[in-house]
Amino acid sequence: MRARTTVSEIDTQIEQLKEKRKTVVAKANDRFASAARRAGLAELNISDAELNEVLAAITARFRDREKRTGGESA
């Protein structure tokens, strides 16, 4: 028989997941910031709007590729 989960156990799990999410988001941020520095994006004098537009186009390109390949890495 399965043991009952208490509210405090659920709260603890939620807090652990929140911390894990923070870590995952921070790692993703670091990864993309590092890639942007290596690509020279930090040195370009472009607006945030232009940068967002270009990154959205890149994202769309890779999402299209994933759809065509069934989600496999290229």
PDB file of N, CA and C in Angstrom:
ATOM      1  N   MET A   1       0.840  -1.177   0.000  1.00  0.00           N
ATOM      2  CA  MET A   1       0.000   0.000   0.000  1.00  0.00           C
ATOM      3  C   MET A   1       0.888   1.244   0.000  1.00  0.00           C
ATOM      4  N   ARG A   2       0.460   2.241  -0.724  1.00  0.00           N
ATOM      5  CA  ARG A   2       1.232   3.472  -0.865  1.00  0.00           C
ATOM      6  C   ARG A   2       1.052   4.362   0.359  1.00  0.00           C
ATOM      7  N   ALA A   3       2.170   4.902   0.846  1.00  0.00           N
ATOM      8  CA  ALA A   3       2.113   5.800   2.001  1.00  0.00           C
ATOM      9  C   ALA A   3       1.495   7.137   1.583  1.00  0.00           C
ATOM     10  N   ARG A   4       0.790   7.747   2.487  1.00  0.00           N
ATOM     11  CA  ARG A   4       0.172   9.043   2.208  1.00  0.00           C
ATOM     12  C   ARG A   4       1.218  10.139   2.248  1.00  0.00           C
ATOM     13  N   THR A   5       1.074  11.082   1.359  1.00  0.00           N
ATOM     14  CA  THR A   5       1.979  12.219   1.304  1.00  0.00           C
ATOM     15  C   THR A   5       1.347  13.375   2.075  1.00  0.00           C
ATOM     16  N   THR A   6       2.137  13.988   2.940  1.00  0.00           N
ATOM     17  CA  THR A   6       1.620  15.105   3.730  1.00  0.00           C
ATOM     18  C   THR A   6       1.814  16.419   2.972  1.00  0.00           C
ATOM     19  N   VAL A   7       1.091  17.414   3.398  1.00  0.00           N
ATOM     20  CA  VAL A   7       1.190  18.744   2.793  1.00  0.00           C
ATOM     21  C   VAL A   7       2.617  19.282   2.960  1.00  0.00           C
ATOM     22  N   SER A   8       3.199  19.073   4.112  1.00  0.00           N
ATOM     23  CA  SER A   8       4.559  19.579   4.336  1.00  0.00           C
ATOM     24  C   SER A   8       5.567  18.874   3.429  1.00  0.00           C
ATOM     25  N   GLU A   9       5.351  17.601   3.139  1.00  0.00           N
ATOM     26  CA  GLU A   9       6.231  16.896   2.200  1.00  0.00           C
ATOM     27  C   GLU A   9       6.088  17.463   0.795  1.00  0.00           C
ATOM     28  N   ILE A  10       4.864  17.766   0.417  1.00  0.00           N
ATOM     29  CA  ILE A  10       4.621  18.363  -0.892  1.00  0.00           C
ATOM     30  C   ILE A  10       5.270  19.743  -0.958  1.00  0.00           C
ATOM     31  N   ASP A  11       5.129  20.529   0.109  1.00  0.00           N
ATOM     32  CA  ASP A  11       5.755  21.851   0.154  1.00  0.00           C
ATOM     33  C   ASP A  11       7.274  21.744   0.024  1.00  0.00           C
ATOM     34  N   THR A  12       7.847  20.755   0.669  1.00  0.00           N
ATOM     35  CA  THR A  12       9.291  20.534   0.572  1.00  0.00           C
ATOM     36  C   THR A  12       9.681  20.182  -0.858  1.00  0.00           C
ATOM     37  N   GLN A  13       8.907  19.320  -1.490  1.00  0.00           N
ATOM     38  CA  GLN A  13       9.181  18.948  -2.877  1.00  0.00           C
ATOM     39  C   GLN A  13       9.069  20.158  -3.799  1.00  0.00           C
ATOM     40  N   ILE A  14       8.070  20.996  -3.565  1.00  0.00           N
ATOM     41  CA  ILE A  14       7.894  22.204  -4.373  1.00  0.00           C
ATOM     42  C   ILE A  14       9.110  23.110  -4.239  1.00  0.00           C
ATOM     43  N   GLU A  15       9.572  23.321  -3.024  1.00  0.00           N
ATOM     44  CA  GLU A  15      10.744  24.174  -2.808  1.00  0.00           C
ATOM     45  C   GLU A  15      11.985  23.587  -3.475  1.00  0.00           C
ATOM     46  N   GLN A  16      12.141  22.269  -3.396  1.00  0.00           N
ATOM     47  CA  GLN A  16      13.277  21.628  -4.059  1.00  0.00           C
ATOM     48  C   GLN A  16      13.203  21.804  -5.573  1.00  0.00           C
ATOM     49  N   LEU A  17      12.005  21.669  -6.130  1.00  0.00           N
ATOM     50  CA  LEU A  17      11.823  21.857  -7.572  1.00  0.00           C
ATOM     51  C   LEU A  17      12.069  23.302  -7.979  1.00  0.00           C
ATOM     52  N   LYS A  18      11.663  24.250  -7.147  1.00  0.00           N
ATOM     53  CA  LYS A  18      11.921  25.661  -7.431  1.00  0.00           C
ATOM     54  C   LYS A  18      13.427  25.926  -7.496  1.00  0.00           C
ATOM     55  N   GLU A  19      14.158  25.366  -6.555  1.00  0.00           N
ATOM     56  CA  GLU A  19      15.618  25.536  -6.542  1.00  0.00           C
ATOM     57  C   GLU A  19      16.252  24.868  -7.757  1.00  0.00           C
ATOM     58  N   LYS A  20      15.764  23.686  -8.093  1.00  0.00           N
ATOM     59  CA  LYS A  20      16.277  22.982  -9.267  1.00  0.00           C
ATOM     60  C   LYS A  20      15.999  23.795 -10.527  1.00  0.00           C
ATOM     61  N   ARG A  21      14.805  24.382 -10.619  1.00  0.00           N
ATOM     62  CA  ARG A  21      14.448  25.212 -11.767  1.00  0.00           C
ATOM     63  C   ARG A  21      15.377  26.416 -11.869  1.00  0.00           C
ATOM     64  N   LYS A  22      15.654  27.064 -10.726  1.00  0.00           N
ATOM     65  CA  LYS A  22      16.574  28.209 -10.719  1.00  0.00           C
ATOM     66  C   LYS A  22      17.932  27.808 -11.273  1.00  0.00           C
ATOM     67  N   THR A  23      18.422  26.657 -10.866  1.00  0.00           N
ATOM     68  CA  THR A  23      19.718  26.165 -11.321  1.00  0.00           C
ATOM     69  C   THR A  23      19.711  25.894 -12.815  1.00  0.00           C
ATOM     70  N   VAL A  24      18.660  25.250 -13.300  1.00  0.00           N
ATOM     71  CA  VAL A  24      18.559  24.941 -14.734  1.00  0.00           C
ATOM     72  C   VAL A  24      18.487  26.226 -15.552  1.00  0.00           C
ATOM     73  N   VAL A  25      17.691  27.190 -15.097  1.00  0.00           N
ATOM     74  CA  VAL A  25      17.567  28.465 -15.807  1.00  0.00           C
ATOM     75  C   VAL A  25      18.903  29.202 -15.807  1.00  0.00           C
ATOM     76  N   ALA A  26      19.587  29.215 -14.673  1.00  0.00           N
ATOM     77  CA  ALA A  26      20.882  29.896 -14.591  1.00  0.00           C
ATOM     78  C   ALA A  26      21.907  29.254 -15.527  1.00  0.00           C
ATOM     79  N   LYS A  27      21.922  27.926 -15.594  1.00  0.00           N
ATOM     80  CA  LYS A  27      22.843  27.241 -16.496  1.00  0.00           C
ATOM     81  C   LYS A  27      22.535  27.560 -17.953  1.00  0.00           C
ATOM     82  N   ALA A  28      21.244  27.602 -18.299  1.00  0.00           N
ATOM     83  CA  ALA A  28      20.845  27.945 -19.669  1.00  0.00           C
ATOM     84  C   ALA A  28      21.250  29.380 -19.991  1.00  0.00           C
ATOM     85  N   ASN A  29      21.031  30.288 -19.044  1.00  0.00           N
ATOM     86  CA  ASN A  29      21.426  31.684 -19.248  1.00  0.00           C
ATOM     87  C   ASN A  29      22.929  31.798 -19.474  1.00  0.00           C
ATOM     88  N   ASP A  30      23.699  31.112 -18.659  1.00  0.00           N
ATOM     89  CA  ASP A  30      25.157  31.138 -18.801  1.00  0.00           C
ATOM     90  C   ASP A  30      25.592  30.571 -20.145  1.00  0.00           C
ATOM     91  N   ARG A  31      24.950  29.492 -20.558  1.00  0.00           N
ATOM     92  CA  ARG A  31      25.295  28.859 -21.833  1.00  0.00           C
ATOM     93  C   ARG A  31      25.064  29.809 -23.001  1.00  0.00           C
ATOM     94  N   PHE A  32      23.896  30.451 -23.026  1.00  0.00           N
ATOM     95  CA  PHE A  32      23.578  31.350 -24.130  1.00  0.00           C
ATOM     96  C   PHE A  32      24.392  32.640 -24.069  1.00  0.00           C
ATOM     97  N   ALA A  33      24.648  33.148 -22.878  1.00  0.00           N
ATOM     98  CA  ALA A  33      25.477  34.347 -22.751  1.00  0.00           C
ATOM     99  C   ALA A  33      26.894  34.063 -23.242  1.00  0.00           C
ATOM    100  N   SER A  34      27.415  32.895 -22.905  1.00  0.00           N
ATOM    101  CA  SER A  34      28.749  32.504 -23.353  1.00  0.00           C
ATOM    102  C   SER A  34      28.797  32.375 -24.876  1.00  0.00           C
ATOM    103  N   ALA A  35      27.774  31.756 -25.448  1.00  0.00           N
ATOM    104  CA  ALA A  35      27.715  31.609 -26.905  1.00  0.00           C
ATOM    105  C   ALA A  35      27.625  32.976 -27.580  1.00  0.00           C
ATOM    106  N   ALA A  36      26.854  33.875 -27.002  1.00  0.00           N
ATOM    107  CA  ALA A  36      26.713  35.221 -27.566  1.00  0.00           C
ATOM    108  C   ALA A  36      28.034  35.972 -27.521  1.00  0.00           C
ATOM    109  N   ARG A  37      28.776  35.834 -26.424  1.00  0.00           N
ATOM    110  CA  ARG A  37      30.098  36.479 -26.326  1.00  0.00           C
ATOM    111  C   ARG A  37      31.055  35.919 -27.361  1.00  0.00           C
ATOM    112  N   ARG A  38      31.090  34.588 -27.490  1.00  0.00           N
ATOM    113  CA  ARG A  38      31.991  33.956 -28.463  1.00  0.00           C
ATOM    114  C   ARG A  38      31.646  34.372 -29.891  1.00  0.00           C
ATOM    115  N   ALA A  39      30.358  34.571 -30.167  1.00  0.00           N
ATOM    116  CA  ALA A  39      29.920  34.959 -31.506  1.00  0.00           C
ATOM    117  C   ALA A  39      30.110  36.455 -31.762  1.00  0.00           C
ATOM    118  N   GLY A  40      30.458  37.204 -30.732  1.00  0.00           N
ATOM    119  CA  GLY A  40      30.690  38.631 -30.895  1.00  0.00           C
ATOM    120  C   GLY A  40      29.444  39.495 -30.784  1.00  0.00           C
ATOM    121  N   LEU A  41      28.350  38.933 -30.306  1.00  0.00           N
ATOM    122  CA  LEU A  41      27.111  39.709 -30.204  1.00  0.00           C
ATOM    123  C   LEU A  41      27.231  40.873 -29.223  1.00  0.00           C
ATOM    124  N   ALA A  42      28.022  40.714 -28.196  1.00  0.00           N
ATOM    125  CA  ALA A  42      28.164  41.771 -27.193  1.00  0.00           C
ATOM    126  C   ALA A  42      28.841  43.006 -27.773  1.00  0.00           C
ATOM    127  N   GLU A  43      29.581  42.831 -28.847  1.00  0.00           N
ATOM    128  CA  GLU A  43      30.319  43.940 -29.452  1.00  0.00           C
ATOM    129  C   GLU A  43      29.506  44.684 -30.506  1.00  0.00           C
ATOM    130  N   LEU A  44      28.368  44.137 -30.896  1.00  0.00           N
ATOM    131  CA  LEU A  44      27.549  44.764 -31.924  1.00  0.00           C
ATOM    132  C   LEU A  44      26.681  45.863 -31.322  1.00  0.00           C
ATOM    133  N   ASN A  45      26.481  46.896 -32.080  1.00  0.00           N
ATOM    134  CA  ASN A  45      25.636  47.998 -31.637  1.00  0.00           C
ATOM    135  C   ASN A  45      24.259  47.834 -32.281  1.00  0.00           C
ATOM    136  N   ILE A  46      23.474  46.887 -31.740  1.00  0.00           N
ATOM    137  CA  ILE A  46      22.130  46.653 -32.252  1.00  0.00           C
ATOM    138  C   ILE A  46      21.147  46.732 -31.090  1.00  0.00           C
ATOM    139  N   SER A  47      19.930  47.088 -31.428  1.00  0.00           N
ATOM    140  CA  SER A  47      18.912  47.239 -30.385  1.00  0.00           C
ATOM    141  C   SER A  47      18.455  45.866 -29.883  1.00  0.00           C
ATOM    142  N   ASP A  48      17.852  45.873 -28.717  1.00  0.00           N
ATOM    143  CA  ASP A  48      17.296  44.633 -28.178  1.00  0.00           C
ATOM    144  C   ASP A  48      16.219  44.085 -29.104  1.00  0.00           C
ATOM    145  N   ALA A  49      15.437  44.987 -29.699  1.00  0.00           N
ATOM    146  CA  ALA A  49      14.369  44.552 -30.607  1.00  0.00           C
ATOM    147  C   ALA A  49      14.954  43.817 -31.806  1.00  0.00           C
ATOM    148  N   GLU A  50      16.041  44.358 -32.381  1.00  0.00           N
ATOM    149  CA  GLU A  50      16.683  43.698 -33.521  1.00  0.00           C
ATOM    150  C   GLU A  50      17.261  42.348 -33.117  1.00  0.00           C
ATOM    151  N   LEU A  51      17.894  42.323 -31.962  1.00  0.00           N
ATOM    152  CA  LEU A  51      18.485  41.081 -31.467  1.00  0.00           C
ATOM    153  C   LEU A  51      17.399  40.036 -31.233  1.00  0.00           C
ATOM    154  N   ASN A  52      16.293  40.440 -30.624  1.00  0.00           N
ATOM    155  CA  ASN A  52      15.189  39.511 -30.382  1.00  0.00           C
ATOM    156  C   ASN A  52      14.627  38.974 -31.689  1.00  0.00           C
ATOM    157  N   GLU A  53      14.540  39.843 -32.700  1.00  0.00           N
ATOM    158  CA  GLU A  53      14.019  39.425 -34.006  1.00  0.00           C
ATOM    159  C   GLU A  53      14.927  38.367 -34.646  1.00  0.00           C
ATOM    160  N   VAL A  54      16.220  38.599 -34.587  1.00  0.00           N
ATOM    161  CA  VAL A  54      17.169  37.651 -35.178  1.00  0.00           C
ATOM    162  C   VAL A  54      17.153  36.330 -34.409  1.00  0.00           C
ATOM    163  N   LEU A  55      17.128  36.406 -33.097  1.00  0.00           N
ATOM    164  CA  LEU A  55      17.104  35.178 -32.301  1.00  0.00           C
ATOM    165  C   LEU A  55      15.809  34.405 -32.508  1.00  0.00           C
ATOM    166  N   ALA A  56      14.697  35.103 -32.696  1.00  0.00           N
ATOM    167  CA  ALA A  56      13.429  34.431 -32.980  1.00  0.00           C
ATOM    168  C   ALA A  56      13.503  33.697 -34.315  1.00  0.00           C
ATOM    169  N   ALA A  57      14.158  34.303 -35.299  1.00  0.00           N
ATOM    170  CA  ALA A  57      14.314  33.656 -36.605  1.00  0.00           C
ATOM    171  C   ALA A  57      15.184  32.400 -36.483  1.00  0.00           C
ATOM    172  N   ILE A  58      16.231  32.486 -35.698  1.00  0.00           N
ATOM    173  CA  ILE A  58      17.102  31.321 -35.485  1.00  0.00           C
ATOM    174  C   ILE A  58      16.323  30.214 -34.780  1.00  0.00           C
ATOM    175  N   THR A  59      15.557  30.580 -33.773  1.00  0.00           N
ATOM    176  CA  THR A  59      14.743  29.609 -33.049  1.00  0.00           C
ATOM    177  C   THR A  59      13.770  28.919 -33.988  1.00  0.00           C
ATOM    178  N   ALA A  60      13.104  29.698 -34.830  1.00  0.00           N
ATOM    179  CA  ALA A  60      12.149  29.124 -35.787  1.00  0.00           C
ATOM    180  C   ALA A  60      12.847  28.159 -36.735  1.00  0.00           C
ATOM    181  N   ARG A  61      14.042  28.515 -37.169  1.00  0.00           N
ATOM    182  CA  ARG A  61      14.790  27.642 -38.076  1.00  0.00           C
ATOM    183  C   ARG A  61      15.082  26.292 -37.428  1.00  0.00           C
ATOM    184  N   PHE A  62      15.510  26.306 -36.184  1.00  0.00           N
ATOM    185  CA  PHE A  62      15.827  25.056 -35.515  1.00  0.00           C
ATOM    186  C   PHE A  62      14.575  24.266 -35.154  1.00  0.00           C
ATOM    187  N   ARG A  63      13.494  24.959 -34.825  1.00  0.00           N
ATOM    188  CA  ARG A  63      12.239  24.247 -34.553  1.00  0.00           C
ATOM    189  C   ARG A  63      11.737  23.566 -35.810  1.00  0.00           C
ATOM    190  N   ASP A  64      11.849  24.251 -36.962  1.00  0.00           N
ATOM    191  CA  ASP A  64      11.461  23.633 -38.235  1.00  0.00           C
ATOM    192  C   ASP A  64      12.300  22.395 -38.501  1.00  0.00           C
ATOM    193  N   ARG A  65      13.587  22.478 -38.220  1.00  0.00           N
ATOM    194  CA  ARG A  65      14.483  21.335 -38.422  1.00  0.00           C
ATOM    195  C   ARG A  65      14.069  20.175 -37.525  1.00  0.00           C
ATOM    196  N   GLU A  66      13.722  20.468 -36.271  1.00  0.00           N
ATOM    197  CA  GLU A  66      13.285  19.415 -35.353  1.00  0.00           C
ATOM    198  C   GLU A  66      12.017  18.742 -35.854  1.00  0.00           C
ATOM    199  N   LYS A  67      11.099  19.534 -36.387  1.00  0.00           N
ATOM    200  CA  LYS A  67       9.863  18.957 -36.911  1.00  0.00           C
ATOM    201  C   LYS A  67      10.149  18.011 -38.073  1.00  0.00           C
ATOM    202  N   ARG A  68      11.075  18.402 -38.943  1.00  0.00           N
ATOM    203  CA  ARG A  68      11.385  17.577 -40.109  1.00  0.00           C
ATOM    204  C   ARG A  68      12.120  16.297 -39.736  1.00  0.00           C
ATOM    205  N   THR A  69      12.943  16.371 -38.674  1.00  0.00           N
ATOM    206  CA  THR A  69      13.745  15.207 -38.289  1.00  0.00           C
ATOM    207  C   THR A  69      13.115  14.429 -37.142  1.00  0.00           C
ATOM    208  N   GLY A  70      11.968  14.843 -36.696  1.00  0.00           N
ATOM    209  CA  GLY A  70      11.305  14.130 -35.603  1.00  0.00           C
ATOM    210  C   GLY A  70      11.919  14.398 -34.250  1.00  0.00           C
ATOM    211  N   GLY A  71      12.588  15.553 -34.096  1.00  0.00           N
ATOM    212  CA  GLY A  71      13.174  15.926 -32.818  1.00  0.00           C
ATOM    213  C   GLY A  71      14.578  15.423 -32.594  1.00  0.00           C
ATOM    214  N   GLU A  72      15.144  14.713 -33.566  1.00  0.00           N
ATOM    215  CA  GLU A  72      16.514  14.224 -33.426  1.00  0.00           C
ATOM    216  C   GLU A  72      17.493  15.371 -33.618  1.00  0.00           C
ATOM    217  N   SER A  73      18.630  15.299 -32.946  1.00  0.00           N
ATOM    218  CA  SER A  73      19.659  16.313 -33.108  1.00  0.00           C
ATOM    219  C   SER A  73      20.288  16.172 -34.472  1.00  0.00           C
ATOM    220  N   ALA A  74      20.607  17.337 -35.076  1.00  0.00           N
ATOM    221  CA  ALA A  74      21.230  17.309 -36.398  1.00  0.00           C
ATOM    222  C   ALA A  74      22.718  17.183 -36.303  1.00  0.00           C
TER     223      ALA A  74
END
